[in-house]
Amino acid sequence: MKIDYQKLEKKIDIKFKNKELLIRSLTHKSFNKFNNNEKLEFLGDRVLGLIMAKRLLEIYPDEKEGILDKKFASLVNKKTCLEISKKLELEKYILIVKSKNKKDTIEDKVLADSCEALIGSIYLDRGYISVEKIILNLWSEHLENSVITQIDAKTKLQELSLKRFKKLPLYKIVSNTGPRHKPLFKVGVKLIDTKFFISEGKSKKEAEQNAAFKCLQNIKIL
């Protein structure tokens, strides 16, 4: 079946000067061992990172580096690239040899990698200004969501403890009760100059977050 790449060009609002670049960006190594999208993926990953880092500095000029780093990671990770790939329906355009033992679907990693490769091909074909415009448009919802992405209490407590005492906070499990399918963890945390602050959670991680939040509240950080 012939692939209609013009539909994809309309979705991203660009007409490729070099159609071979577009096709190569969506060609998996299983389909073509020598002329595939691996190098374009490598390039696209760096282009995406540069554009997201620049945009975050524009949106949050006064934000701390640690928080910017967390926002950045959520914008450029494979999960987000996969979401963009599905939004563009890239599975309709990828050239790949599928195994007979597997379902007739393309793996998430291949879709995410193809998204980065597509970015690389746009950059080579149309330059920085064009690829920046396309990325900011495709990632607009994720950038808006980054406004509410806050550093978590456990990380904040860890940074505070390292800054003050050069040591990590001390966590201990106080109890683990309830049935196996619905456990309840009780965890305590303390800094060198505090008592243990104890809180509960449906998982060890949740209980640690809650305990860290309680500790920060009591030492007047939150």
C-alpha atoms as a PDB file:
ATOM      1  CA  MET A   1       0.000   0.000   0.000  1.00  0.00           C
ATOM      2  CA  LYS A   2       1.358   3.408  -0.986  1.00  0.00           C
ATOM      3  CA  ILE A   3       1.976   5.798   1.919  1.00  0.00           C
ATOM      4  CA  ASP A   4       0.523   9.295   1.551  1.00  0.00           C
ATOM      5  CA  TYR A   5       3.175  11.460   3.216  1.00  0.00           C
ATOM      6  CA  GLN A   6       1.320  14.621   2.156  1.00  0.00           C
ATOM      7  CA  LYS A   7      -1.231  14.009   4.921  1.00  0.00           C
ATOM      8  CA  LEU A   8       1.561  14.067   7.489  1.00  0.00           C
ATOM      9  CA  GLU A   9       3.016  17.239   5.951  1.00  0.00           C
ATOM     10  CA  LYS A  10      -0.397  18.904   6.310  1.00  0.00           C
ATOM     11  CA  LYS A  11      -0.603  17.860   9.972  1.00  0.00           C
ATOM     12  CA  ILE A  12       2.735  19.466  10.804  1.00  0.00           C
ATOM     13  CA  ASP A  13       2.084  22.352   8.378  1.00  0.00           C
ATOM     14  CA  ILE A  14       5.259  21.992   6.338  1.00  0.00           C
ATOM     15  CA  LYS A  15       6.154  20.892   2.815  1.00  0.00           C
ATOM     16  CA  PHE A  16       9.490  19.104   2.619  1.00  0.00           C
ATOM     17  CA  LYS A  17      11.966  20.309   0.011  1.00  0.00           C
ATOM     18  CA  ASN A  18      13.698  16.928   0.220  1.00  0.00           C
ATOM     19  CA  LYS A  19      11.073  14.168   0.513  1.00  0.00           C
ATOM     20  CA  GLU A  20      13.841  11.589   0.975  1.00  0.00           C
ATOM     21  CA  LEU A  21      14.655  13.133   4.359  1.00  0.00           C
ATOM     22  CA  LEU A  22      11.039  12.736   5.472  1.00  0.00           C
ATOM     23  CA  ILE A  23      10.888   9.108   4.326  1.00  0.00           C
ATOM     24  CA  ARG A  24      14.240   8.277   5.966  1.00  0.00           C
ATOM     25  CA  SER A  25      13.069   9.771   9.269  1.00  0.00           C
ATOM     26  CA  LEU A  26      10.258   7.204   9.288  1.00  0.00           C
ATOM     27  CA  THR A  27      12.331   4.231   8.121  1.00  0.00           C
ATOM     28  CA  HIS A  28      13.207   1.694  10.821  1.00  0.00           C
ATOM     29  CA  LYS A  29      16.523  -0.182  10.674  1.00  0.00           C
ATOM     30  CA  SER A  30      14.655  -3.475  10.212  1.00  0.00           C
ATOM     31  CA  PHE A  31      13.365  -2.148   6.883  1.00  0.00           C
ATOM     32  CA  ASN A  32      16.646  -0.672   5.672  1.00  0.00           C
ATOM     33  CA  LYS A  33      19.880  -1.556   7.464  1.00  0.00           C
ATOM     34  CA  PHE A  34      21.919   1.266   5.924  1.00  0.00           C
ATOM     35  CA  ASN A  35      19.499   4.095   5.161  1.00  0.00           C
ATOM     36  CA  ASN A  36      17.314   4.417   8.252  1.00  0.00           C
ATOM     37  CA  ASN A  37      16.331   6.982  10.889  1.00  0.00           C
ATOM     38  CA  GLU A  38      18.880   6.254  13.642  1.00  0.00           C
ATOM     39  CA  LYS A  39      21.130   9.267  12.931  1.00  0.00           C
ATOM     40  CA  LEU A  40      18.149  11.558  12.416  1.00  0.00           C
ATOM     41  CA  GLU A  41      16.821  10.405  15.792  1.00  0.00           C
ATOM     42  CA  PHE A  42      20.183  11.298  17.364  1.00  0.00           C
ATOM     43  CA  LEU A  43      19.986  14.775  15.827  1.00  0.00           C
ATOM     44  CA  GLY A  44      16.302  15.300  16.594  1.00  0.00           C
ATOM     45  CA  ASP A  45      16.815  14.482  20.268  1.00  0.00           C
ATOM     46  CA  ARG A  46      19.399  17.298  20.515  1.00  0.00           C
ATOM     47  CA  VAL A  47      17.276  19.768  18.539  1.00  0.00           C
ATOM     48  CA  LEU A  48      14.252  19.079  20.745  1.00  0.00           C
ATOM     49  CA  GLY A  49      16.373  19.505  23.873  1.00  0.00           C
ATOM     50  CA  LEU A  50      17.769  22.850  22.725  1.00  0.00           C
ATOM     51  CA  ILE A  51      14.351  24.252  21.829  1.00  0.00           C
ATOM     52  CA  MET A  52      12.716  23.074  25.064  1.00  0.00           C
ATOM     53  CA  ALA A  53      15.584  24.419  27.210  1.00  0.00           C
ATOM     54  CA  LYS A  54      15.388  27.798  25.460  1.00  0.00           C
ATOM     55  CA  ARG A  55      11.601  27.972  25.838  1.00  0.00           C
ATOM     56  CA  LEU A  56      11.676  27.063  29.537  1.00  0.00           C
ATOM     57  CA  LEU A  57      14.168  29.863  30.214  1.00  0.00           C
ATOM     58  CA  GLU A  58      11.819  32.274  28.418  1.00  0.00           C
ATOM     59  CA  ILE A  59       8.768  31.106  30.400  1.00  0.00           C
ATOM     60  CA  TYR A  60      10.511  30.808  33.783  1.00  0.00           C
ATOM     61  CA  PRO A  61      13.366  33.376  33.853  1.00  0.00           C
ATOM     62  CA  ASP A  62      13.525  33.398  37.652  1.00  0.00           C
ATOM     63  CA  GLU A  63      13.045  29.660  38.298  1.00  0.00           C
ATOM     64  CA  LYS A  64      15.738  27.558  39.984  1.00  0.00           C
ATOM     65  CA  GLU A  65      17.829  25.220  37.829  1.00  0.00           C
ATOM     66  CA  GLY A  66      16.644  22.120  39.712  1.00  0.00           C
ATOM     67  CA  ILE A  67      12.990  22.817  38.952  1.00  0.00           C
ATOM     68  CA  LEU A  68      13.769  23.740  35.334  1.00  0.00           C
ATOM     69  CA  ASP A  69      15.590  20.431  34.987  1.00  0.00           C
ATOM     70  CA  LYS A  70      12.514  18.499  36.156  1.00  0.00           C
ATOM     71  CA  LYS A  71      10.233  20.384  33.777  1.00  0.00           C
ATOM     72  CA  PHE A  72      12.716  19.805  30.942  1.00  0.00           C
ATOM     73  CA  ALA A  73      12.892  16.056  31.619  1.00  0.00           C
ATOM     74  CA  SER A  74       9.090  15.738  31.462  1.00  0.00           C
ATOM     75  CA  LEU A  75       8.987  17.539  28.100  1.00  0.00           C
ATOM     76  CA  VAL A  76      11.695  15.632  26.223  1.00  0.00           C
ATOM     77  CA  ASN A  77      11.322  12.095  27.578  1.00  0.00           C
ATOM     78  CA  LYS A  78      10.234   9.104  25.488  1.00  0.00           C
ATOM     79  CA  LYS A  79       6.727   9.143  26.997  1.00  0.00           C
ATOM     80  CA  THR A  80       6.037  12.659  25.727  1.00  0.00           C
ATOM     81  CA  CYS A  81       7.579  11.891  22.325  1.00  0.00           C
ATOM     82  CA  LEU A  82       5.308   8.857  22.142  1.00  0.00           C
ATOM     83  CA  GLU A  83       2.246  11.016  22.834  1.00  0.00           C
ATOM     84  CA  ILE A  84       3.262  13.433  20.072  1.00  0.00           C
ATOM     85  CA  SER A  85       3.891  10.500  17.731  1.00  0.00           C
ATOM     86  CA  LYS A  86       0.384   9.137  18.373  1.00  0.00           C
ATOM     87  CA  LYS A  87      -1.077  12.614  17.926  1.00  0.00           C
ATOM     88  CA  LEU A  88       0.511  12.708  14.461  1.00  0.00           C
ATOM     89  CA  GLU A  89      -0.473   9.058  13.811  1.00  0.00           C
ATOM     90  CA  LEU A  90       3.103   8.247  12.804  1.00  0.00           C
ATOM     91  CA  GLU A  91       2.325   4.526  12.899  1.00  0.00           C
ATOM     92  CA  LYS A  92       0.629   5.032   9.501  1.00  0.00           C
ATOM     93  CA  TYR A  93       3.863   6.257   7.923  1.00  0.00           C
ATOM     94  CA  ILE A  94       6.667   4.191   9.499  1.00  0.00           C
ATOM     95  CA  LEU A  95       8.439   1.661   7.285  1.00  0.00           C
ATOM     96  CA  ILE A  96       9.235  -1.378   9.432  1.00  0.00           C
ATOM     97  CA  VAL A  97       9.520  -5.142   9.098  1.00  0.00           C
ATOM     98  CA  LYS A  98       7.165  -6.680  11.642  1.00  0.00           C
ATOM     99  CA  SER A  99       7.882 -10.023  13.260  1.00  0.00           C
ATOM    100  CA  LYS A 100       5.463 -12.845  12.497  1.00  0.00           C
ATOM    101  CA  ASN A 101       5.348 -13.665  16.198  1.00  0.00           C
ATOM    102  CA  LYS A 102       4.254 -10.183  17.209  1.00  0.00           C
ATOM    103  CA  LYS A 103       0.978  -8.328  16.905  1.00  0.00           C
ATOM    104  CA  ASP A 104       0.451  -6.045  13.966  1.00  0.00           C
ATOM    105  CA  THR A 105       1.368  -2.973  16.016  1.00  0.00           C
ATOM    106  CA  ILE A 106       4.503  -0.855  16.231  1.00  0.00           C
ATOM    107  CA  GLU A 107       6.345  -0.763  19.560  1.00  0.00           C
ATOM    108  CA  ASP A 108       6.151   2.418  21.631  1.00  0.00           C
ATOM    109  CA  LYS A 109       9.931   2.898  21.512  1.00  0.00           C
ATOM    110  CA  VAL A 110       9.914   2.840  17.705  1.00  0.00           C
ATOM    111  CA  LEU A 111       7.133   5.459  17.653  1.00  0.00           C
ATOM    112  CA  ALA A 112       8.945   7.728  20.138  1.00  0.00           C
ATOM    113  CA  ASP A 113      12.247   7.381  18.266  1.00  0.00           C
ATOM    114  CA  SER A 114      10.518   8.188  14.967  1.00  0.00           C
ATOM    115  CA  CYS A 115       9.130  11.384  16.476  1.00  0.00           C
ATOM    116  CA  GLU A 116      12.679  12.524  17.300  1.00  0.00           C
ATOM    117  CA  ALA A 117      13.900  11.463  13.847  1.00  0.00           C
ATOM    118  CA  LEU A 118      11.115  13.492  12.220  1.00  0.00           C
ATOM    119  CA  ILE A 119      12.296  16.540  14.179  1.00  0.00           C
ATOM    120  CA  GLY A 120      15.824  15.931  12.931  1.00  0.00           C
ATOM    121  CA  SER A 121      14.635  15.744   9.323  1.00  0.00           C
ATOM    122  CA  ILE A 122      12.622  18.981   9.637  1.00  0.00           C
ATOM    123  CA  TYR A 123      15.669  20.752  11.038  1.00  0.00           C
ATOM    124  CA  LEU A 124      17.882  19.601   8.152  1.00  0.00           C
ATOM    125  CA  ASP A 125      15.251  20.369   5.516  1.00  0.00           C
ATOM    126  CA  ARG A 126      13.877  23.711   6.736  1.00  0.00           C
ATOM    127  CA  GLY A 127      16.237  25.009   9.424  1.00  0.00           C
ATOM    128  CA  TYR A 128      15.969  26.074  13.063  1.00  0.00           C
ATOM    129  CA  ILE A 129      13.180  28.670  12.838  1.00  0.00           C
ATOM    130  CA  SER A 130      10.780  26.257  11.118  1.00  0.00           C
ATOM    131  CA  VAL A 131      11.474  23.314  13.419  1.00  0.00           C
ATOM    132  CA  GLU A 132      11.149  25.550  16.491  1.00  0.00           C
ATOM    133  CA  LYS A 133       7.715  26.745  15.356  1.00  0.00           C
ATOM    134  CA  ILE A 134       6.537  23.183  14.715  1.00  0.00           C
ATOM    135  CA  ILE A 135       7.848  21.835  18.030  1.00  0.00           C
ATOM    136  CA  LEU A 136       6.347  24.645  20.101  1.00  0.00           C
ATOM    137  CA  ASN A 137       3.005  24.067  18.385  1.00  0.00           C
ATOM    138  CA  LEU A 138       3.060  20.283  18.922  1.00  0.00           C
ATOM    139  CA  TRP A 139       4.275  20.612  22.526  1.00  0.00           C
ATOM    140  CA  SER A 140       2.010  23.571  23.444  1.00  0.00           C
ATOM    141  CA  GLU A 141      -0.243  21.543  25.757  1.00  0.00           C
ATOM    142  CA  HIS A 142       2.734  19.947  27.509  1.00  0.00           C
ATOM    143  CA  LEU A 143       4.356  23.349  27.995  1.00  0.00           C
ATOM    144  CA  GLU A 144       1.139  24.686  29.526  1.00  0.00           C
ATOM    145  CA  ASN A 145       1.023  21.716  31.892  1.00  0.00           C
ATOM    146  CA  SER A 146       4.605  22.423  32.970  1.00  0.00           C
ATOM    147  CA  VAL A 147       3.310  25.508  34.772  1.00  0.00           C
ATOM    148  CA  ILE A 148       1.828  23.299  37.494  1.00  0.00           C
ATOM    149  CA  THR A 149       4.813  20.923  37.696  1.00  0.00           C
ATOM    150  CA  GLN A 150       6.317  21.567  41.118  1.00  0.00           C
ATOM    151  CA  ILE A 151       9.348  20.050  42.819  1.00  0.00           C
ATOM    152  CA  ASP A 152       8.187  17.257  45.131  1.00  0.00           C
ATOM    153  CA  ALA A 153       8.481  17.404  48.921  1.00  0.00           C
ATOM    154  CA  LYS A 154      10.952  14.523  49.177  1.00  0.00           C
ATOM    155  CA  THR A 155      13.357  16.159  46.732  1.00  0.00           C
ATOM    156  CA  LYS A 156      12.986  19.525  48.449  1.00  0.00           C
ATOM    157  CA  LEU A 157      13.722  17.986  51.845  1.00  0.00           C
ATOM    158  CA  GLN A 158      16.744  16.148  50.435  1.00  0.00           C
ATOM    159  CA  GLU A 159      18.167  19.361  48.957  1.00  0.00           C
ATOM    160  CA  LEU A 160      17.609  21.192  52.242  1.00  0.00           C
ATOM    161  CA  SER A 161      19.306  18.453  54.292  1.00  0.00           C
ATOM    162  CA  LEU A 162      22.320  18.282  51.971  1.00  0.00           C
ATOM    163  CA  LYS A 163      22.685  22.059  52.035  1.00  0.00           C
ATOM    164  CA  ARG A 164      22.475  22.326  55.830  1.00  0.00           C
ATOM    165  CA  PHE A 165      24.123  19.140  57.035  1.00  0.00           C
ATOM    166  CA  LYS A 166      25.820  17.515  54.012  1.00  0.00           C
ATOM    167  CA  LYS A 167      23.725  14.432  54.791  1.00  0.00           C
ATOM    168  CA  LEU A 168      20.522  12.886  53.448  1.00  0.00           C
ATOM    169  CA  PRO A 169      17.307  12.815  55.519  1.00  0.00           C
ATOM    170  CA  LEU A 170      16.807   9.600  57.516  1.00  0.00           C
ATOM    171  CA  TYR A 171      13.706   7.589  56.594  1.00  0.00           C
ATOM    172  CA  LYS A 172      12.382   4.564  58.495  1.00  0.00           C
ATOM    173  CA  ILE A 173       9.354   2.327  58.012  1.00  0.00           C
ATOM    174  CA  VAL A 174       7.300   2.438  61.205  1.00  0.00           C
ATOM    175  CA  SER A 175       4.735  -0.122  60.103  1.00  0.00           C
ATOM    176  CA  ASN A 176       3.268  -1.935  57.111  1.00  0.00           C
ATOM    177  CA  THR A 177      -0.304  -3.056  57.769  1.00  0.00           C
ATOM    178  CA  GLY A 178      -3.444  -3.980  55.891  1.00  0.00           C
ATOM    179  CA  PRO A 179      -4.159  -6.736  53.335  1.00  0.00           C
ATOM    180  CA  ARG A 180      -1.692  -7.426  50.530  1.00  0.00           C
ATOM    181  CA  HIS A 181      -3.906  -5.830  47.885  1.00  0.00           C
ATOM    182  CA  LYS A 182      -4.485  -2.724  50.012  1.00  0.00           C
ATOM    183  CA  PRO A 183      -1.444  -2.053  52.212  1.00  0.00           C
ATOM    184  CA  LEU A 184      -0.953   0.943  54.473  1.00  0.00           C
ATOM    185  CA  PHE A 185       2.582   2.161  55.077  1.00  0.00           C
ATOM    186  CA  LYS A 186       3.584   4.368  57.976  1.00  0.00           C
ATOM    187  CA  VAL A 187       6.959   6.075  57.449  1.00  0.00           C
ATOM    188  CA  GLY A 188       9.002   8.490  59.546  1.00  0.00           C
ATOM    189  CA  VAL A 189      11.629  10.993  58.429  1.00  0.00           C
ATOM    190  CA  LYS A 190      14.015  13.248  60.341  1.00  0.00           C
ATOM    191  CA  LEU A 191      16.848  15.655  59.775  1.00  0.00           C
ATOM    192  CA  ILE A 192      19.846  15.861  62.099  1.00  0.00           C
ATOM    193  CA  ASP A 193      18.238  18.628  64.176  1.00  0.00           C
ATOM    194  CA  THR A 194      14.615  17.401  64.173  1.00  0.00           C
ATOM    195  CA  LYS A 195      12.471  14.643  65.620  1.00  0.00           C
ATOM    196  CA  PHE A 196      10.876  11.992  63.406  1.00  0.00           C
ATOM    197  CA  PHE A 197       7.838  13.199  61.488  1.00  0.00           C
ATOM    198  CA  ILE A 198       5.516  10.291  60.712  1.00  0.00           C
ATOM    199  CA  SER A 199       2.903   9.988  58.002  1.00  0.00           C
ATOM    200  CA  GLU A 200       0.944   7.309  56.119  1.00  0.00           C
ATOM    201  CA  GLY A 201       0.481   6.296  52.498  1.00  0.00           C
ATOM    202  CA  LYS A 202      -0.857   3.525  50.263  1.00  0.00           C
ATOM    203  CA  SER A 203       2.726   2.842  49.171  1.00  0.00           C
ATOM    204  CA  LYS A 204       6.158   3.337  50.720  1.00  0.00           C
ATOM    205  CA  LYS A 205       6.857   6.115  48.216  1.00  0.00           C
ATOM    206  CA  GLU A 206       3.606   7.929  49.003  1.00  0.00           C
ATOM    207  CA  ALA A 207       4.203   7.638  52.743  1.00  0.00           C
ATOM    208  CA  GLU A 208       7.738   9.047  52.334  1.00  0.00           C
ATOM    209  CA  GLN A 209       6.380  12.001  50.324  1.00  0.00           C
ATOM    210  CA  ASN A 210       3.742  12.692  52.953  1.00  0.00           C
ATOM    211  CA  ALA A 211       6.289  12.461  55.776  1.00  0.00           C
ATOM    212  CA  ALA A 212       8.672  14.783  53.929  1.00  0.00           C
ATOM    213  CA  PHE A 213       5.829  17.278  53.382  1.00  0.00           C
ATOM    214  CA  LYS A 214       4.969  17.179  57.103  1.00  0.00           C
ATOM    215  CA  CYS A 215       8.617  17.720  58.032  1.00  0.00           C
ATOM    216  CA  LEU A 216       8.930  20.722  55.692  1.00  0.00           C
ATOM    217  CA  GLN A 217       5.718  22.206  57.093  1.00  0.00           C
ATOM    218  CA  ASN A 218       6.984  21.883  60.646  1.00  0.00           C
ATOM    219  CA  ILE A 219      10.316  23.524  59.922  1.00  0.00           C
ATOM    220  CA  LYS A 220       8.429  26.338  58.123  1.00  0.00           C
ATOM    221  CA  ILE A 221       9.705  25.624  54.605  1.00  0.00           C
ATOM    222  CA  LEU A 222       6.225  25.040  53.114  1.00  0.00           C
END
